[in-house]
Amino acid sequence: LYYRLNVVRVTLPPLRARHEDIPALVNHFMRRFNRRFHRDVRGIAPEALAMLDTYDFPGNVRELE
């Protein structure tokens, strides 16, 4: 199976190089959190989003999650 899937190479830059993706990822993880824990978190403070934008994310997307 690996050899069949290995025909196309997908290169994805690290999250620290894609800061424009952070708001969409935050919304995705927030929706997942809401479903999993039966919560109704509706958003994130602009200040918190600004702090996330300055973070380097050494653990990539898993660090954000």
Foldseek 3Di string as FASTA:
>chain_A
DCVVVPPDDDDDDFCLVVLVCVQVLVVVVVVVCCVVVVHCDPDDDPVVSVVVSPDRPPVGSVSVD
